[in-house]
Amino acid sequence: FAISRDSAKNTLYLQMNSLKFEDTAVYYCASRATRLVPS
C-alpha cells in the first residue's frame, strides 16, 4: 500500500496493490491536527 496526498485537490489517497483476501474491510479516512509523529 502507498499513502499520498494532493494538496491542490485537498485529497488523500491510498493506493492498494497485491490485494489479499485478508484486506477485506471497511476503510476509513481520519484526520487530526498535525503532531510530531502521526498516531
PDB file of all heavy atoms in Angstrom:
ATOM      1  N   PHE A   1       0.834  -1.196   0.000  1.00  0.00           N
ATOM      2  CA  PHE A   1       0.000   0.000   0.000  1.00  0.00           C
ATOM      3  C   PHE A   1       0.872   1.249   0.000  1.00  0.00           C
ATOM      4  O   PHE A   1       2.005   1.234   0.499  1.00  0.00           O
ATOM      5  CB  PHE A   1      -0.902   0.043   1.237  1.00  0.00           C
ATOM      6  CG  PHE A   1      -1.992  -0.992   1.270  1.00  0.00           C
ATOM      7  CD1 PHE A   1      -2.036  -2.034   0.364  1.00  0.00           C
ATOM      8  CD2 PHE A   1      -2.978  -0.907   2.242  1.00  0.00           C
ATOM      9  CE1 PHE A   1      -3.040  -2.987   0.408  1.00  0.00           C
ATOM     10  CE2 PHE A   1      -3.989  -1.849   2.296  1.00  0.00           C
ATOM     11  CZ  PHE A   1      -4.021  -2.894   1.379  1.00  0.00           C
ATOM     12  N   ALA A   2       0.337   2.328  -0.520  1.00  0.00           N
ATOM     13  CA  ALA A   2       1.042   3.602  -0.524  1.00  0.00           C
ATOM     14  C   ALA A   2       0.064   4.734  -0.237  1.00  0.00           C
ATOM     15  O   ALA A   2      -0.955   4.863  -0.914  1.00  0.00           O
ATOM     16  CB  ALA A   2       1.739   3.832  -1.852  1.00  0.00           C
ATOM     17  N   ILE A   3       0.377   5.530   0.768  1.00  0.00           N
ATOM     18  CA  ILE A   3      -0.446   6.677   1.106  1.00  0.00           C
ATOM     19  C   ILE A   3       0.167   7.922   0.474  1.00  0.00           C
ATOM     20  O   ILE A   3       1.388   8.076   0.428  1.00  0.00           O
ATOM     21  CB  ILE A   3      -0.576   6.834   2.637  1.00  0.00           C
ATOM     22  CG1 ILE A   3      -1.608   7.906   2.992  1.00  0.00           C
ATOM     23  CG2 ILE A   3       0.772   7.127   3.281  1.00  0.00           C
ATOM     24  CD1 ILE A   3      -1.956   7.949   4.474  1.00  0.00           C
ATOM     25  N   SER A   4      -0.675   8.789  -0.020  1.00  0.00           N
ATOM     26  CA  SER A   4      -0.202  10.016  -0.639  1.00  0.00           C
ATOM     27  C   SER A   4      -1.274  11.089  -0.519  1.00  0.00           C
ATOM     28  O   SER A   4      -2.411  10.808  -0.139  1.00  0.00           O
ATOM     29  CB  SER A   4       0.169   9.789  -2.106  1.00  0.00           C
ATOM     30  OG  SER A   4      -0.958   9.384  -2.863  1.00  0.00           O
ATOM     31  N   ARG A   5      -0.898  12.295  -0.844  1.00  0.00           N
ATOM     32  CA  ARG A   5      -1.851  13.392  -0.797  1.00  0.00           C
ATOM     33  C   ARG A   5      -1.636  14.329  -1.973  1.00  0.00           C
ATOM     34  O   ARG A   5      -0.533  14.451  -2.505  1.00  0.00           O
ATOM     35  CB  ARG A   5      -1.721  14.167   0.519  1.00  0.00           C
ATOM     36  CG  ARG A   5      -0.385  14.874   0.677  1.00  0.00           C
ATOM     37  CD  ARG A   5      -0.272  15.575   2.014  1.00  0.00           C
ATOM     38  NE  ARG A   5       0.989  16.305   2.123  1.00  0.00           N
ATOM     39  CZ  ARG A   5       1.392  16.952   3.200  1.00  0.00           C
ATOM     40  NH1 ARG A   5       0.624  16.960   4.293  1.00  0.00           N
ATOM     41  NH2 ARG A   5       2.551  17.585   3.205  1.00  0.00           N
ATOM     42  N   ASP A   6      -2.693  14.987  -2.355  1.00  0.00           N
ATOM     43  CA  ASP A   6      -2.650  16.009  -3.386  1.00  0.00           C
ATOM     44  C   ASP A   6      -3.164  17.278  -2.734  1.00  0.00           C
ATOM     45  O   ASP A   6      -4.373  17.450  -2.556  1.00  0.00           O
ATOM     46  CB  ASP A   6      -3.503  15.614  -4.587  1.00  0.00           C
ATOM     47  CG  ASP A   6      -3.355  16.578  -5.748  1.00  0.00           C
ATOM     48  OD1 ASP A   6      -3.101  17.771  -5.514  1.00  0.00           O
ATOM     49  OD2 ASP A   6      -3.502  16.134  -6.905  1.00  0.00           O
ATOM     50  N   SER A   7      -2.248  18.157  -2.365  1.00  0.00           N
ATOM     51  CA  SER A   7      -2.624  19.367  -1.648  1.00  0.00           C
ATOM     52  C   SER A   7      -3.506  20.285  -2.483  1.00  0.00           C
ATOM     53  O   SER A   7      -4.398  20.946  -1.956  1.00  0.00           O
ATOM     54  CB  SER A   7      -1.369  20.122  -1.197  1.00  0.00           C
ATOM     55  OG  SER A   7      -0.614  19.342  -0.289  1.00  0.00           O
ATOM     56  N   ALA A   8      -3.253  20.331  -3.784  1.00  0.00           N
ATOM     57  CA  ALA A   8      -4.040  21.185  -4.661  1.00  0.00           C
ATOM     58  C   ALA A   8      -5.503  20.763  -4.687  1.00  0.00           C
ATOM     59  O   ALA A   8      -6.398  21.596  -4.772  1.00  0.00           O
ATOM     60  CB  ALA A   8      -3.465  21.175  -6.071  1.00  0.00           C
ATOM     61  N   LYS A   9      -5.742  19.456  -4.610  1.00  0.00           N
ATOM     62  CA  LYS A   9      -7.097  18.924  -4.614  1.00  0.00           C
ATOM     63  C   LYS A   9      -7.630  18.674  -3.214  1.00  0.00           C
ATOM     64  O   LYS A   9      -8.793  18.286  -3.057  1.00  0.00           O
ATOM     65  CB  LYS A   9      -7.158  17.631  -5.417  1.00  0.00           C
ATOM     66  CG  LYS A   9      -6.825  17.785  -6.882  1.00  0.00           C
ATOM     67  CD  LYS A   9      -6.942  16.457  -7.609  1.00  0.00           C
ATOM     68  CE  LYS A   9      -6.649  16.611  -9.085  1.00  0.00           C
ATOM     69  NZ  LYS A   9      -6.761  15.324  -9.810  1.00  0.00           N
ATOM     70  N   ASN A  10      -6.774  18.869  -2.212  1.00  0.00           N
ATOM     71  CA  ASN A  10      -7.147  18.623  -0.819  1.00  0.00           C
ATOM     72  C   ASN A  10      -7.688  17.203  -0.646  1.00  0.00           C
ATOM     73  O   ASN A  10      -8.711  16.977   0.000  1.00  0.00           O
ATOM     74  CB  ASN A  10      -8.185  19.643  -0.349  1.00  0.00           C
ATOM     75  CG  ASN A  10      -8.105  19.918   1.137  1.00  0.00           C
ATOM     76  OD1 ASN A  10      -7.034  19.836   1.742  1.00  0.00           O
ATOM     77  ND2 ASN A  10      -9.236  20.256   1.737  1.00  0.00           N
ATOM     78  N   THR A  11      -6.965  16.250  -1.235  1.00  0.00           N
ATOM     79  CA  THR A  11      -7.412  14.865  -1.265  1.00  0.00           C
ATOM     80  C   THR A  11      -6.311  13.917  -0.809  1.00  0.00           C
ATOM     81  O   THR A  11      -5.145  14.079  -1.186  1.00  0.00           O
ATOM     82  CB  THR A  11      -7.869  14.471  -2.677  1.00  0.00           C
ATOM     83  OG1 THR A  11      -8.942  15.325  -3.075  1.00  0.00           O
ATOM     84  CG2 THR A  11      -8.345  13.028  -2.719  1.00  0.00           C
ATOM     85  N   LEU A  12      -6.682  12.942  -0.013  1.00  0.00           N
ATOM     86  CA  LEU A  12      -5.797  11.889   0.454  1.00  0.00           C
ATOM     87  C   LEU A  12      -6.076  10.623  -0.339  1.00  0.00           C
ATOM     88  O   LEU A  12      -7.230  10.331  -0.656  1.00  0.00           O
ATOM     89  CB  LEU A  12      -6.035  11.634   1.942  1.00  0.00           C
ATOM     90  CG  LEU A  12      -5.214  10.534   2.608  1.00  0.00           C
ATOM     91  CD1 LEU A  12      -3.780  11.007   2.820  1.00  0.00           C
ATOM     92  CD2 LEU A  12      -5.856  10.128   3.927  1.00  0.00           C
ATOM     93  N   TYR A  13      -5.030   9.853  -0.636  1.00  0.00           N
ATOM     94  CA  TYR A  13      -5.177   8.625  -1.402  1.00  0.00           C
ATOM     95  C   TYR A  13      -4.556   7.442  -0.671  1.00  0.00           C
ATOM     96  O   TYR A  13      -3.622   7.590   0.113  1.00  0.00           O
ATOM     97  CB  TYR A  13      -4.510   8.744  -2.770  1.00  0.00           C
ATOM     98  CG  TYR A  13      -5.049   9.854  -3.630  1.00  0.00           C
ATOM     99  CD1 TYR A  13      -4.387  11.069  -3.715  1.00  0.00           C
ATOM    100  CD2 TYR A  13      -6.223   9.684  -4.357  1.00  0.00           C
ATOM    101  CE1 TYR A  13      -4.875  12.093  -4.506  1.00  0.00           C
ATOM    102  CE2 TYR A  13      -6.719  10.709  -5.147  1.00  0.00           C
ATOM    103  CZ  TYR A  13      -6.045  11.906  -5.219  1.00  0.00           C
ATOM    104  OH  TYR A  13      -6.544  12.921  -6.006  1.00  0.00           O
ATOM    105  N   LEU A  14      -5.079   6.274  -0.962  1.00  0.00           N
ATOM    106  CA  LEU A  14      -4.464   5.030  -0.531  1.00  0.00           C
ATOM    107  C   LEU A  14      -4.435   4.098  -1.737  1.00  0.00           C
ATOM    108  O   LEU A  14      -5.470   3.569  -2.141  1.00  0.00           O
ATOM    109  CB  LEU A  14      -5.228   4.378   0.620  1.00  0.00           C
ATOM    110  CG  LEU A  14      -4.594   3.104   1.178  1.00  0.00           C
ATOM    111  CD1 LEU A  14      -3.271   3.429   1.869  1.00  0.00           C
ATOM    112  CD2 LEU A  14      -5.533   2.399   2.154  1.00  0.00           C
ATOM    113  N   GLN A  15      -3.253   3.929  -2.306  1.00  0.00           N
ATOM    114  CA  GLN A  15      -3.074   3.002  -3.410  1.00  0.00           C
ATOM    115  C   GLN A  15      -2.820   1.622  -2.830  1.00  0.00           C
ATOM    116  O   GLN A  15      -1.866   1.427  -2.086  1.00  0.00           O
ATOM    117  CB  GLN A  15      -1.900   3.432  -4.289  1.00  0.00           C
ATOM    118  CG  GLN A  15      -1.611   2.499  -5.455  1.00  0.00           C
ATOM    119  CD  GLN A  15      -2.735   2.461  -6.459  1.00  0.00           C
ATOM    120  OE1 GLN A  15      -3.239   3.509  -6.873  1.00  0.00           O
ATOM    121  NE2 GLN A  15      -3.159   1.262  -6.851  1.00  0.00           N
ATOM    122  N   MET A  16      -3.667   0.671  -3.178  1.00  0.00           N
ATOM    123  CA  MET A  16      -3.576  -0.680  -2.651  1.00  0.00           C
ATOM    124  C   MET A  16      -3.252  -1.636  -3.789  1.00  0.00           C
ATOM    125  O   MET A  16      -4.028  -1.781  -4.730  1.00  0.00           O
ATOM    126  CB  MET A  16      -4.876  -1.084  -1.965  1.00  0.00           C
ATOM    127  CG  MET A  16      -5.296  -0.137  -0.845  1.00  0.00           C
ATOM    128  SD  MET A  16      -6.780  -0.693   0.031  1.00  0.00           S
ATOM    129  CE  MET A  16      -7.997  -0.481  -1.271  1.00  0.00           C
ATOM    130  N   ASN A  17      -2.100  -2.274  -3.695  1.00  0.00           N
ATOM    131  CA  ASN A  17      -1.660  -3.236  -4.689  1.00  0.00           C
ATOM    132  C   ASN A  17      -1.520  -4.615  -4.052  1.00  0.00           C
ATOM    133  O   ASN A  17      -1.439  -4.749  -2.838  1.00  0.00           O
ATOM    134  CB  ASN A  17      -0.322  -2.810  -5.293  1.00  0.00           C
ATOM    135  CG  ASN A  17      -0.387  -1.476  -5.997  1.00  0.00           C
ATOM    136  OD1 ASN A  17      -1.366  -1.157  -6.662  1.00  0.00           O
ATOM    137  ND2 ASN A  17       0.686  -0.692  -5.870  1.00  0.00           N
ATOM    138  N   SER A  18      -1.465  -5.626  -4.899  1.00  0.00           N
ATOM    139  CA  SER A  18      -1.314  -7.009  -4.439  1.00  0.00           C
ATOM    140  C   SER A  18      -2.299  -7.329  -3.324  1.00  0.00           C
ATOM    141  O   SER A  18      -1.938  -7.882  -2.281  1.00  0.00           O
ATOM    142  CB  SER A  18       0.122  -7.249  -3.968  1.00  0.00           C
ATOM    143  OG  SER A  18       1.051  -7.003  -5.002  1.00  0.00           O
ATOM    144  N   LEU A  19      -3.534  -6.994  -3.549  1.00  0.00           N
ATOM    145  CA  LEU A  19      -4.549  -7.166  -2.519  1.00  0.00           C
ATOM    146  C   LEU A  19      -4.759  -8.631  -2.165  1.00  0.00           C
ATOM    147  O   LEU A  19      -4.707  -9.509  -3.029  1.00  0.00           O
ATOM    148  CB  LEU A  19      -5.863  -6.546  -2.971  1.00  0.00           C
ATOM    149  CG  LEU A  19      -5.908  -5.020  -2.863  1.00  0.00           C
ATOM    150  CD1 LEU A  19      -7.038  -4.455  -3.704  1.00  0.00           C
ATOM    151  CD2 LEU A  19      -6.075  -4.606  -1.399  1.00  0.00           C
ATOM    152  N   LYS A  20      -5.003  -8.854  -0.882  1.00  0.00           N
ATOM    153  CA  LYS A  20      -5.247 -10.178  -0.352  1.00  0.00           C
ATOM    154  C   LYS A  20      -6.665 -10.255   0.204  1.00  0.00           C
ATOM    155  O   LYS A  20      -7.270  -9.235   0.524  1.00  0.00           O
ATOM    156  CB  LYS A  20      -4.253 -10.504   0.766  1.00  0.00           C
ATOM    157  CG  LYS A  20      -2.790 -10.369   0.384  1.00  0.00           C
ATOM    158  CD  LYS A  20      -1.903 -10.575   1.596  1.00  0.00           C
ATOM    159  CE  LYS A  20      -0.431 -10.426   1.248  1.00  0.00           C
ATOM    160  NZ  LYS A  20       0.430 -10.594   2.446  1.00  0.00           N
ATOM    161  N   PHE A  21      -7.150 -11.473   0.363  1.00  0.00           N
ATOM    162  CA  PHE A  21      -8.467 -11.662   0.953  1.00  0.00           C
ATOM    163  C   PHE A  21      -8.532 -11.021   2.341  1.00  0.00           C
ATOM    164  O   PHE A  21      -9.568 -10.466   2.725  1.00  0.00           O
ATOM    165  CB  PHE A  21      -8.799 -13.150   1.046  1.00  0.00           C
ATOM    166  CG  PHE A  21     -10.088 -13.439   1.747  1.00  0.00           C
ATOM    167  CD1 PHE A  21     -11.299 -13.244   1.099  1.00  0.00           C
ATOM    168  CD2 PHE A  21     -10.091 -13.904   3.053  1.00  0.00           C
ATOM    169  CE1 PHE A  21     -12.496 -13.504   1.738  1.00  0.00           C
ATOM    170  CE2 PHE A  21     -11.283 -14.172   3.699  1.00  0.00           C
ATOM    171  CZ  PHE A  21     -12.489 -13.972   3.041  1.00  0.00           C
ATOM    172  N   GLU A  22      -7.439 -11.082   3.069  1.00  0.00           N
ATOM    173  CA  GLU A  22      -7.373 -10.533   4.418  1.00  0.00           C
ATOM    174  C   GLU A  22      -7.498  -9.011   4.463  1.00  0.00           C
ATOM    175  O   GLU A  22      -7.679  -8.438   5.540  1.00  0.00           O
ATOM    176  CB  GLU A  22      -6.064 -10.940   5.103  1.00  0.00           C
ATOM    177  CG  GLU A  22      -5.820 -12.443   5.131  1.00  0.00           C
ATOM    178  CD  GLU A  22      -5.055 -12.903   3.914  1.00  0.00           C
ATOM    179  OE1 GLU A  22      -3.808 -12.838   3.944  1.00  0.00           O
ATOM    180  OE2 GLU A  22      -5.708 -13.324   2.935  1.00  0.00           O
ATOM    181  N   ASP A  23      -7.375  -8.357   3.322  1.00  0.00           N
ATOM    182  CA  ASP A  23      -7.529  -6.907   3.264  1.00  0.00           C
ATOM    183  C   ASP A  23      -8.991  -6.478   3.242  1.00  0.00           C
ATOM    184  O   ASP A  23      -9.287  -5.280   3.312  1.00  0.00           O
ATOM    185  CB  ASP A  23      -6.822  -6.341   2.031  1.00  0.00           C
ATOM    186  CG  ASP A  23      -5.318  -6.531   2.089  1.00  0.00           C
ATOM    187  OD1 ASP A  23      -4.727  -6.331   3.165  1.00  0.00           O
ATOM    188  OD2 ASP A  23      -4.735  -6.871   1.038  1.00  0.00           O
ATOM    189  N   THR A  24      -9.891  -7.419   3.110  1.00  0.00           N
ATOM    190  CA  THR A  24     -11.315  -7.112   3.072  1.00  0.00           C
ATOM    191  C   THR A  24     -11.746  -6.428   4.365  1.00  0.00           C
ATOM    192  O   THR A  24     -11.546  -6.954   5.454  1.00  0.00           O
ATOM    193  CB  THR A  24     -12.137  -8.384   2.858  1.00  0.00           C
ATOM    194  OG1 THR A  24     -11.823  -8.946   1.582  1.00  0.00           O
ATOM    195  CG2 THR A  24     -13.630  -8.084   2.905  1.00  0.00           C
ATOM    196  N   ALA A  25     -12.333  -5.250   4.234  1.00  0.00           N
ATOM    197  CA  ALA A  25     -12.749  -4.468   5.392  1.00  0.00           C
ATOM    198  C   ALA A  25     -13.416  -3.182   4.920  1.00  0.00           C
ATOM    199  O   ALA A  25     -13.376  -2.847   3.733  1.00  0.00           O
ATOM    200  CB  ALA A  25     -11.543  -4.125   6.273  1.00  0.00           C
ATOM    201  N   VAL A  26     -14.004  -2.479   5.861  1.00  0.00           N
ATOM    202  CA  VAL A  26     -14.435  -1.116   5.610  1.00  0.00           C
ATOM    203  C   VAL A  26     -13.254  -0.214   5.912  1.00  0.00           C
ATOM    204  O   VAL A  26     -12.667  -0.288   6.993  1.00  0.00           O
ATOM    205  CB  VAL A  26     -15.647  -0.720   6.475  1.00  0.00           C
ATOM    206  CG1 VAL A  26     -16.006   0.743   6.244  1.00  0.00           C
ATOM    207  CG2 VAL A  26     -16.839  -1.614   6.150  1.00  0.00           C
ATOM    208  N   TYR A  27     -12.897   0.626   4.973  1.00  0.00           N
ATOM    209  CA  TYR A  27     -11.756   1.518   5.130  1.00  0.00           C
ATOM    210  C   TYR A  27     -12.229   2.923   5.458  1.00  0.00           C
ATOM    211  O   TYR A  27     -13.135   3.456   4.812  1.00  0.00           O
ATOM    212  CB  TYR A  27     -10.908   1.528   3.857  1.00  0.00           C
ATOM    213  CG  TYR A  27     -10.055   0.297   3.718  1.00  0.00           C
ATOM    214  CD1 TYR A  27     -10.635  -0.937   3.423  1.00  0.00           C
ATOM    215  CD2 TYR A  27      -8.673   0.354   3.893  1.00  0.00           C
ATOM    216  CE1 TYR A  27      -9.866  -2.079   3.325  1.00  0.00           C
ATOM    217  CE2 TYR A  27      -7.896  -0.784   3.781  1.00  0.00           C
ATOM    218  CZ  TYR A  27      -8.498  -1.998   3.497  1.00  0.00           C
ATOM    219  OH  TYR A  27      -7.721  -3.130   3.388  1.00  0.00           O
ATOM    220  N   TYR A  28     -11.587   3.523   6.452  1.00  0.00           N
ATOM    221  CA  TYR A  28     -11.961   4.843   6.932  1.00  0.00           C
ATOM    222  C   TYR A  28     -10.807   5.824   6.803  1.00  0.00           C
ATOM    223  O   TYR A  28      -9.654   5.485   7.077  1.00  0.00           O
ATOM    224  CB  TYR A  28     -12.373   4.792   8.405  1.00  0.00           C
ATOM    225  CG  TYR A  28     -13.581   3.947   8.695  1.00  0.00           C
ATOM    226  CD1 TYR A  28     -13.455   2.593   8.985  1.00  0.00           C
ATOM    227  CD2 TYR A  28     -14.856   4.506   8.691  1.00  0.00           C
ATOM    228  CE1 TYR A  28     -14.560   1.812   9.261  1.00  0.00           C
ATOM    229  CE2 TYR A  28     -15.967   3.734   8.966  1.00  0.00           C
ATOM    230  CZ  TYR A  28     -15.814   2.391   9.256  1.00  0.00           C
ATOM    231  OH  TYR A  28     -16.917   1.625   9.534  1.00  0.00           O
ATOM    232  N   CYS A  29     -11.132   7.022   6.427  1.00  0.00           N
ATOM    233  CA  CYS A  29     -10.197   8.133   6.419  1.00  0.00           C
ATOM    234  C   CYS A  29     -10.350   8.898   7.730  1.00  0.00           C
ATOM    235  O   CYS A  29     -11.472   9.093   8.212  1.00  0.00           O
ATOM    236  CB  CYS A  29     -10.496   9.035   5.221  1.00  0.00           C
ATOM    237  SG  CYS A  29      -9.515  10.541   5.121  1.00  0.00           S
ATOM    238  N   ALA A  30      -9.234   9.331   8.310  1.00  0.00           N
ATOM    239  CA  ALA A  30      -9.268  10.054   9.575  1.00  0.00           C
ATOM    240  C   ALA A  30      -8.285  11.215   9.549  1.00  0.00           C
ATOM    241  O   ALA A  30      -7.327  11.228   8.771  1.00  0.00           O
ATOM    242  CB  ALA A  30      -8.932   9.111  10.733  1.00  0.00           C
ATOM    243  N   SER A  31      -8.510  12.180  10.444  1.00  0.00           N
ATOM    244  CA  SER A  31      -7.688  13.377  10.468  1.00  0.00           C
ATOM    245  C   SER A  31      -7.545  13.919  11.885  1.00  0.00           C
ATOM    246  O   SER A  31      -8.432  13.745  12.723  1.00  0.00           O
ATOM    247  CB  SER A  31      -8.306  14.445   9.560  1.00  0.00           C
ATOM    248  OG  SER A  31      -7.581  15.661   9.608  1.00  0.00           O
ATOM    249  N   ARG A  32      -6.420  14.575  12.126  1.00  0.00           N
ATOM    250  CA  ARG A  32      -6.200  15.290  13.378  1.00  0.00           C
ATOM    251  C   ARG A  32      -5.189  16.402  13.124  1.00  0.00           C
ATOM    252  O   ARG A  32      -4.444  16.371  12.147  1.00  0.00           O
ATOM    253  CB  ARG A  32      -5.682  14.358  14.477  1.00  0.00           C
ATOM    254  CG  ARG A  32      -4.246  13.916  14.275  1.00  0.00           C
ATOM    255  CD  ARG A  32      -3.664  13.307  15.541  1.00  0.00           C
ATOM    256  NE  ARG A  32      -2.251  12.993  15.404  1.00  0.00           N
ATOM    257  CZ  ARG A  32      -1.480  12.553  16.388  1.00  0.00           C
ATOM    258  NH1 ARG A  32      -2.001  12.355  17.599  1.00  0.00           N
ATOM    259  NH2 ARG A  32      -0.201  12.304  16.177  1.00  0.00           N
ATOM    260  N   ALA A  33      -5.154  17.386  14.019  1.00  0.00           N
ATOM    261  CA  ALA A  33      -4.148  18.433  13.918  1.00  0.00           C
ATOM    262  C   ALA A  33      -2.768  17.797  13.963  1.00  0.00           C
ATOM    263  O   ALA A  33      -2.517  16.896  14.761  1.00  0.00           O
ATOM    264  CB  ALA A  33      -4.313  19.441  15.043  1.00  0.00           C
ATOM    265  N   THR A  34      -1.886  18.246  13.095  1.00  0.00           N
ATOM    266  CA  THR A  34      -0.582  17.607  12.957  1.00  0.00           C
ATOM    267  C   THR A  34       0.225  17.625  14.258  1.00  0.00           C
ATOM    268  O   THR A  34       0.214  18.598  15.010  1.00  0.00           O
ATOM    269  CB  THR A  34       0.223  18.266  11.821  1.00  0.00           C
ATOM    270  OG1 THR A  34       1.412  17.508  11.583  1.00  0.00           O
ATOM    271  CG2 THR A  34       0.605  19.695  12.171  1.00  0.00           C
ATOM    272  N   ARG A  35       0.910  16.524  14.508  1.00  0.00           N
ATOM    273  CA  ARG A  35       1.778  16.356  15.667  1.00  0.00           C
ATOM    274  C   ARG A  35       3.160  15.949  15.182  1.00  0.00           C
ATOM    275  O   ARG A  35       3.415  15.883  13.978  1.00  0.00           O
ATOM    276  CB  ARG A  35       1.206  15.311  16.628  1.00  0.00           C
ATOM    277  CG  ARG A  35      -0.219  15.597  17.092  1.00  0.00           C
ATOM    278  CD  ARG A  35      -0.287  16.799  18.013  1.00  0.00           C
ATOM    279  NE  ARG A  35      -1.653  17.099  18.404  1.00  0.00           N
ATOM    280  CZ  ARG A  35      -2.280  16.553  19.433  1.00  0.00           C
ATOM    281  NH1 ARG A  35      -1.656  15.662  20.204  1.00  0.00           N
ATOM    282  NH2 ARG A  35      -3.533  16.892  19.706  1.00  0.00           N
ATOM    283  N   LEU A  36       4.037  15.657  16.119  1.00  0.00           N
ATOM    284  CA  LEU A  36       5.403  15.286  15.767  1.00  0.00           C
ATOM    285  C   LEU A  36       5.437  14.016  14.919  1.00  0.00           C
ATOM    286  O   LEU A  36       6.172  13.925  13.940  1.00  0.00           O
ATOM    287  CB  LEU A  36       6.242  15.107  17.031  1.00  0.00           C
ATOM    288  CG  LEU A  36       7.719  14.804  16.836  1.00  0.00           C
ATOM    289  CD1 LEU A  36       8.402  15.956  16.109  1.00  0.00           C
ATOM    290  CD2 LEU A  36       8.383  14.557  18.178  1.00  0.00           C
ATOM    291  N   VAL A  37       4.634  13.031  15.315  1.00  0.00           N
ATOM    292  CA  VAL A  37       4.535  11.765  14.595  1.00  0.00           C
ATOM    293  C   VAL A  37       3.066  11.362  14.541  1.00  0.00           C
ATOM    294  O   VAL A  37       2.387  11.395  15.562  1.00  0.00           O
ATOM    295  CB  VAL A  37       5.338  10.646  15.282  1.00  0.00           C
ATOM    296  CG1 VAL A  37       5.184   9.335  14.525  1.00  0.00           C
ATOM    297  CG2 VAL A  37       6.800  11.025  15.382  1.00  0.00           C
ATOM    298  N   PRO A  38       2.564  10.976  13.368  1.00  0.00           N
ATOM    299  CA  PRO A  38       1.166  10.538  13.298  1.00  0.00           C
ATOM    300  C   PRO A  38       0.905   9.347  14.204  1.00  0.00           C
ATOM    301  O   PRO A  38       1.738   8.462  14.346  1.00  0.00           O
ATOM    302  CB  PRO A  38       0.981  10.159  11.823  1.00  0.00           C
ATOM    303  CG  PRO A  38       1.997  10.984  11.103  1.00  0.00           C
ATOM    304  CD  PRO A  38       3.178  11.029  12.030  1.00  0.00           C
ATOM    305  N   SER A  39      -0.280   9.310  14.795  1.00  0.00           N
ATOM    306  CA  SER A  39      -0.641   8.247  15.711  1.00  0.00           C
ATOM    307  C   SER A  39      -1.236   7.059  14.969  1.00  0.00           C
ATOM    308  O   SER A  39      -1.854   7.211  13.912  1.00  0.00           O
ATOM    309  CB  SER A  39      -1.644   8.758  16.743  1.00  0.00           C
ATOM    310  OG  SER A  39      -2.052   7.725  17.613  1.00  0.00           O
TER     311      SER A  39
END
